[in-house]
């Protein structure tokens, strides 16, 4: 008795991409299956392919969320560092002005007393 089912070569290609900083990165998975004779097997493969596609989409989505969090964190850090830098500059100017004022005041005091 001869098998009437035809063998069909099947290629399933799953590709997911996401954007990260300045380059496009992609993930590709290629499954090549030959001699598929069972319709149930084909249905299982299609279901497995769909599951892999969903997982890739979930991974890409979570990676994009992480990238957004990192960008927000970096912006916050840069903003905080900028504020601290300006505070240090102002503080240094205040100390310099206070030092000059103290020198002027002490010199004037000594000149009034006739010590210098």
N, C-alpha and C. Protein backbone atom coordinates (compact mmCIF):
# COMPACT_ATOMS: atom_id res chain seq x y z
N UNK A 1 0.84 -1.17 0.00
CA UNK A 1 0.00 0.00 0.00
C UNK A 1 0.89 1.24 0.00
N UNK A 2 0.62 2.15 -0.88
CA UNK A 2 1.45 3.34 -1.06
C UNK A 2 0.86 4.50 -0.28
N UNK A 3 1.74 5.29 0.33
CA UNK A 3 1.32 6.45 1.11
C UNK A 3 0.89 7.56 0.15
N UNK A 4 -0.34 8.07 0.31
CA UNK A 4 -0.86 9.07 -0.61
C UNK A 4 -0.54 10.49 -0.16
N UNK A 5 -0.06 10.63 1.07
CA UNK A 5 0.26 11.98 1.56
C UNK A 5 1.50 12.49 0.85
N UNK A 6 1.45 13.75 0.47
CA UNK A 6 2.59 14.34 -0.21
C UNK A 6 3.54 14.95 0.82
N UNK A 7 4.82 14.86 0.53
CA UNK A 7 5.76 15.55 1.41
C UNK A 7 5.99 16.94 0.87
N UNK A 8 5.83 17.89 1.80
CA UNK A 8 5.95 19.30 1.44
C UNK A 8 7.08 19.90 2.24
N UNK A 9 8.10 20.40 1.57
CA UNK A 9 9.12 21.09 2.34
C UNK A 9 8.55 22.40 2.88
N UNK A 10 8.88 22.72 4.11
CA UNK A 10 8.31 23.90 4.75
C UNK A 10 9.42 24.72 5.39
N UNK A 11 9.36 26.01 5.21
CA UNK A 11 10.32 26.92 5.83
C UNK A 11 9.52 27.93 6.64
N UNK A 12 9.85 28.03 7.89
CA UNK A 12 9.21 29.00 8.76
C UNK A 12 10.28 30.01 9.13
N UNK A 13 10.03 31.27 8.87
CA UNK A 13 11.01 32.30 9.19
C UNK A 13 10.37 33.29 10.15
N UNK A 14 11.04 33.52 11.26
CA UNK A 14 10.54 34.43 12.28
C UNK A 14 11.58 35.52 12.44
N UNK A 15 11.17 36.75 12.27
CA UNK A 15 12.11 37.86 12.37
C UNK A 15 11.49 38.91 13.27
N UNK A 16 12.26 39.36 14.24
CA UNK A 16 11.83 40.46 15.11
C UNK A 16 12.95 41.47 15.18
N UNK A 17 12.63 42.74 15.14
CA UNK A 17 13.65 43.77 15.24
C UNK A 17 13.23 44.78 16.29
N UNK A 18 14.19 45.46 16.82
CA UNK A 18 13.93 46.53 17.76
C UNK A 18 15.01 47.58 17.58
N UNK A 19 14.76 48.78 18.07
CA UNK A 19 15.69 49.89 17.91
C UNK A 19 16.40 50.13 19.23
N UNK A 20 17.70 50.21 19.17
CA UNK A 20 18.48 50.44 20.38
C UNK A 20 19.57 51.45 20.06
N UNK A 21 19.55 52.55 20.74
CA UNK A 21 20.48 53.68 20.57
C UNK A 21 20.61 54.05 19.10
N UNK A 22 21.77 53.78 18.49
CA UNK A 22 21.99 54.28 17.15
C UNK A 22 22.07 53.18 16.09
N UNK A 23 21.66 51.99 16.41
CA UNK A 23 21.76 50.92 15.43
C UNK A 23 20.53 50.04 15.45
N UNK A 24 20.21 49.47 14.31
CA UNK A 24 19.10 48.52 14.22
C UNK A 24 19.66 47.13 14.46
N UNK A 25 19.07 46.43 15.40
CA UNK A 25 19.49 45.07 15.69
C UNK A 25 18.32 44.16 15.38
N UNK A 26 18.60 42.99 14.89
CA UNK A 26 17.52 42.07 14.55
C UNK A 26 17.82 40.68 15.05
N UNK A 27 16.79 39.92 15.23
CA UNK A 27 16.91 38.54 15.64
C UNK A 27 16.16 37.71 14.62
N UNK A 28 16.84 36.75 14.04
CA UNK A 28 16.18 35.92 13.03
C UNK A 28 16.36 34.46 13.41
N UNK A 29 15.31 33.71 13.27
CA UNK A 29 15.34 32.29 13.56
C UNK A 29 14.68 31.59 12.38
N UNK A 30 15.40 30.70 11.75
CA UNK A 30 14.87 30.01 10.59
C UNK A 30 14.82 28.52 10.89
N UNK A 31 13.65 27.96 10.73
CA UNK A 31 13.46 26.53 10.97
C UNK A 31 13.11 25.90 9.63
N UNK A 32 13.89 24.97 9.19
CA UNK A 32 13.61 24.29 7.93
C UNK A 32 13.21 22.86 8.25
N UNK A 33 12.06 22.48 7.77
CA UNK A 33 11.54 21.15 8.04
C UNK A 33 11.22 20.51 6.69
N UNK A 34 11.69 19.33 6.50
CA UNK A 34 11.41 18.63 5.25
C UNK A 34 10.48 17.45 5.47
N UNK A 35 9.81 17.07 4.45
CA UNK A 35 8.96 15.88 4.43
C UNK A 35 7.88 15.93 5.51
N UNK A 36 7.04 16.93 5.45
CA UNK A 36 5.93 17.02 6.39
C UNK A 36 4.76 16.27 5.78
N UNK A 37 4.31 15.24 6.49
CA UNK A 37 3.22 14.42 5.95
C UNK A 37 1.96 14.49 6.81
N UNK A 38 2.06 15.06 7.98
CA UNK A 38 0.94 15.04 8.90
C UNK A 38 0.38 16.45 9.07
N UNK A 39 -0.92 16.61 8.84
CA UNK A 39 -1.55 17.92 8.99
C UNK A 39 -1.49 18.41 10.44
N UNK A 40 -1.59 17.50 11.38
CA UNK A 40 -1.49 17.87 12.80
C UNK A 40 -0.10 18.41 13.09
N UNK A 41 0.90 17.80 12.50
CA UNK A 41 2.28 18.26 12.68
C UNK A 41 2.45 19.68 12.13
N UNK A 42 1.83 19.94 10.98
CA UNK A 42 1.88 21.27 10.37
C UNK A 42 1.18 22.28 11.27
N UNK A 43 0.04 21.89 11.83
CA UNK A 43 -0.70 22.78 12.72
C UNK A 43 0.12 23.07 13.98
N UNK A 44 0.78 22.05 14.52
CA UNK A 44 1.64 22.26 15.69
C UNK A 44 2.79 23.20 15.37
N UNK A 45 3.36 23.03 14.19
CA UNK A 45 4.45 23.91 13.80
C UNK A 45 3.97 25.35 13.63
N UNK A 46 2.80 25.52 13.07
CA UNK A 46 2.24 26.86 12.91
C UNK A 46 1.98 27.49 14.27
N UNK A 47 1.46 26.69 15.20
CA UNK A 47 1.20 27.18 16.55
C UNK A 47 2.52 27.53 17.24
N UNK A 48 3.53 26.70 17.08
CA UNK A 48 4.85 26.97 17.66
C UNK A 48 5.45 28.24 17.05
N UNK A 49 5.28 28.40 15.76
CA UNK A 49 5.77 29.59 15.08
C UNK A 49 5.08 30.84 15.62
N UNK A 50 3.79 30.78 15.81
CA UNK A 50 3.04 31.91 16.36
C UNK A 50 3.50 32.21 17.79
N UNK A 51 3.73 31.17 18.58
CA UNK A 51 4.20 31.37 19.95
C UNK A 51 5.57 32.05 19.96
N UNK A 52 6.46 31.62 19.08
CA UNK A 52 7.78 32.25 18.99
C UNK A 52 7.68 33.71 18.57
N UNK A 53 6.80 33.98 17.64
CA UNK A 53 6.59 35.36 17.19
C UNK A 53 6.09 36.23 18.34
N UNK A 54 5.15 35.72 19.12
CA UNK A 54 4.64 36.47 20.27
C UNK A 54 5.73 36.70 21.30
N UNK A 55 6.54 35.70 21.55
CA UNK A 55 7.64 35.87 22.51
C UNK A 55 8.63 36.92 22.02
N UNK A 56 8.96 36.89 20.73
CA UNK A 56 9.86 37.90 20.19
C UNK A 56 9.29 39.30 20.33
N UNK A 57 7.99 39.43 20.09
CA UNK A 57 7.34 40.74 20.25
C UNK A 57 7.38 41.19 21.70
N UNK A 58 7.16 40.26 22.64
CA UNK A 58 7.23 40.60 24.07
C UNK A 58 8.64 41.04 24.46
N UNK A 59 9.63 40.32 23.97
CA UNK A 59 11.02 40.67 24.27
C UNK A 59 11.35 42.04 23.70
N UNK A 60 10.96 42.28 22.46
CA UNK A 60 11.22 43.58 21.83
C UNK A 60 10.53 44.70 22.60
N UNK A 61 9.30 44.45 23.06
CA UNK A 61 8.55 45.46 23.81
C UNK A 61 9.23 45.73 25.15
N UNK A 62 9.65 44.70 25.85
CA UNK A 62 10.30 44.91 27.15
C UNK A 62 11.65 45.59 26.98
N UNK A 63 12.37 45.27 25.91
CA UNK A 63 13.64 45.94 25.66
C UNK A 63 13.42 47.42 25.35
N UNK A 64 12.38 47.73 24.60
CA UNK A 64 12.09 49.12 24.31
C UNK A 64 11.73 49.87 25.59
N UNK A 65 10.97 49.22 26.48
CA UNK A 65 10.63 49.85 27.76
C UNK A 65 11.89 50.11 28.57
N UNK A 66 12.81 49.15 28.59
CA UNK A 66 14.07 49.33 29.32
C UNK A 66 14.89 50.47 28.72
N UNK A 67 14.91 50.57 27.41
CA UNK A 67 15.65 51.65 26.75
C UNK A 67 15.05 53.00 27.14
N UNK A 68 13.74 53.08 27.16
CA UNK A 68 13.08 54.33 27.54
C UNK A 68 13.41 54.68 28.99
N UNK A 69 13.39 53.68 29.88
CA UNK A 69 13.74 53.93 31.28
C UNK A 69 15.17 54.41 31.40
N UNK A 70 16.09 53.79 30.64
CA UNK A 70 17.48 54.20 30.69
C UNK A 70 17.66 55.63 30.18
N UNK A 71 16.94 56.00 29.14
CA UNK A 71 17.03 57.36 28.60
C UNK A 71 16.52 58.36 29.63
N UNK A 72 15.39 58.05 30.27
CA UNK A 72 14.85 58.94 31.30
C UNK A 72 15.82 59.06 32.47
N UNK A 73 16.40 57.95 32.89
CA UNK A 73 17.35 57.97 33.99
C UNK A 73 18.58 58.81 33.62
N UNK A 74 19.09 58.61 32.40
CA UNK A 74 20.27 59.37 31.96
C UNK A 74 19.96 60.86 31.92
N UNK A 75 18.77 61.23 31.44
CA UNK A 75 18.39 62.64 31.41
C UNK A 75 18.30 63.22 32.82
N UNK A 76 17.75 62.45 33.74
CA UNK A 76 17.65 62.90 35.13
C UNK A 76 19.04 63.09 35.73
N UNK A 77 19.93 62.14 35.49
CA UNK A 77 21.29 62.24 36.02
C UNK A 77 22.01 63.45 35.44
N UNK A 78 21.89 63.65 34.13
CA UNK A 78 22.54 64.80 33.50
C UNK A 78 21.99 66.11 34.05
N UNK A 79 20.69 66.19 34.24
CA UNK A 79 20.07 67.40 34.79
C UNK A 79 20.57 67.66 36.21
N UNK A 80 20.62 66.61 37.03
CA UNK A 80 21.09 66.76 38.40
C UNK A 80 22.55 67.18 38.43
N UNK A 81 23.38 66.56 37.60
CA UNK A 81 24.80 66.93 37.56
C UNK A 81 24.97 68.38 37.12
N UNK A 82 24.17 68.84 36.17
CA UNK A 82 24.24 70.21 35.70
C UNK A 82 23.88 71.18 36.83
N UNK A 83 22.82 70.85 37.59
CA UNK A 83 22.43 71.69 38.73
C UNK A 83 23.53 71.75 39.78
N UNK A 84 24.12 70.61 40.08
CA UNK A 84 25.19 70.55 41.08
C UNK A 84 26.38 71.38 40.61
N UNK A 85 26.70 71.29 39.33
CA UNK A 85 27.82 72.05 38.78
C UNK A 85 27.60 73.56 38.97
N UNK A 86 26.39 74.04 38.67
CA UNK A 86 26.11 75.45 38.85
C UNK A 86 26.13 75.85 40.31
N UNK A 87 25.65 74.99 41.19
CA UNK A 87 25.68 75.28 42.63
C UNK A 87 27.13 75.40 43.12
N UNK A 88 28.00 74.53 42.65
CA UNK A 88 29.41 74.59 43.03
C UNK A 88 30.06 75.87 42.51
N UNK A 89 29.73 76.27 41.29
CA UNK A 89 30.27 77.52 40.75
C UNK A 89 29.82 78.72 41.59
N UNK A 90 28.54 78.77 41.92
CA UNK A 90 28.02 79.86 42.75
C UNK A 90 28.67 79.84 44.12
N UNK A 91 28.80 78.66 44.71
CA UNK A 91 29.41 78.53 46.03
C UNK A 91 30.87 79.01 45.99
N UNK A 92 31.61 78.67 44.97
CA UNK A 92 33.00 79.11 44.83
C UNK A 92 33.07 80.62 44.71
N UNK A 93 32.19 81.21 43.92
CA UNK A 93 32.16 82.67 43.79
C UNK A 93 31.85 83.34 45.13
N UNK A 94 30.90 82.79 45.88
CA UNK A 94 30.55 83.35 47.19
C UNK A 94 31.75 83.27 48.12
N UNK A 95 32.46 82.15 48.14
CA UNK A 95 33.64 82.03 49.00
C UNK A 95 34.74 83.02 48.60
N UNK A 96 34.94 83.20 47.30
CA UNK A 96 35.95 84.16 46.84
C UNK A 96 35.58 85.58 47.25
N UNK A 97 34.32 85.94 47.08
CA UNK A 97 33.86 87.28 47.46
C UNK A 97 33.98 87.48 48.97
N UNK A 98 33.58 86.47 49.75
CA UNK A 98 33.71 86.56 51.21
C UNK A 98 35.16 86.68 51.64
N UNK A 99 36.05 85.93 51.00
CA UNK A 99 37.48 86.02 51.32
C UNK A 99 38.03 87.40 51.02
N UNK A 100 37.67 87.96 49.86
CA UNK A 100 38.13 89.30 49.50
C UNK A 100 37.58 90.34 50.49
N UNK A 101 36.31 90.18 50.86
CA UNK A 101 35.72 91.11 51.83
C UNK A 101 36.42 91.01 53.19
N UNK A 102 36.73 89.79 53.63
CA UNK A 102 37.42 89.63 54.91
C UNK A 102 38.81 90.26 54.88
N UNK A 103 39.54 90.06 53.78
CA UNK A 103 40.87 90.67 53.66
C UNK A 103 40.76 92.19 53.69
N UNK A 104 39.81 92.73 52.96
CA UNK A 104 39.60 94.17 52.93
C UNK A 104 39.25 94.69 54.33
N UNK A 105 38.33 93.99 55.03
CA UNK A 105 37.90 94.43 56.36
C UNK A 105 39.04 94.36 57.36
N UNK A 106 39.81 93.29 57.36
CA UNK A 106 40.92 93.15 58.30
C UNK A 106 42.00 94.21 58.01
N UNK A 107 42.29 94.43 56.75
CA UNK A 107 43.30 95.44 56.37
C UNK A 107 42.84 96.83 56.84
N UNK A 108 41.56 97.15 56.61
CA UNK A 108 41.03 98.44 57.03
C UNK A 108 41.07 98.57 58.56
N UNK A 109 40.74 97.48 59.26
CA UNK A 109 40.79 97.49 60.73
C UNK A 109 42.20 97.79 61.21
N UNK A 110 43.20 97.09 60.62
CA UNK A 110 44.58 97.30 61.05
C UNK A 110 45.06 98.71 60.71
N UNK A 111 44.63 99.24 59.56
CA UNK A 111 45.03 100.59 59.19
C UNK A 111 44.43 101.62 60.15
N UNK A 112 43.18 101.41 60.58
CA UNK A 112 42.55 102.33 61.55
C UNK A 112 43.28 102.29 62.90
N UNK A 113 43.74 101.13 63.29
CA UNK A 113 44.41 100.97 64.58
C UNK A 113 45.87 101.42 64.50
N UNK A 114 46.34 101.57 63.28
CA UNK A 114 47.71 102.02 63.10
C UNK A 114 48.73 100.89 63.24
N UNK A 115 48.30 99.67 63.13
CA UNK A 115 49.20 98.52 63.26
C UNK A 115 50.01 98.35 62.00
N UNK A 116 49.45 98.64 60.86
CA UNK A 116 50.17 98.49 59.58
C UNK A 116 50.67 99.84 59.14
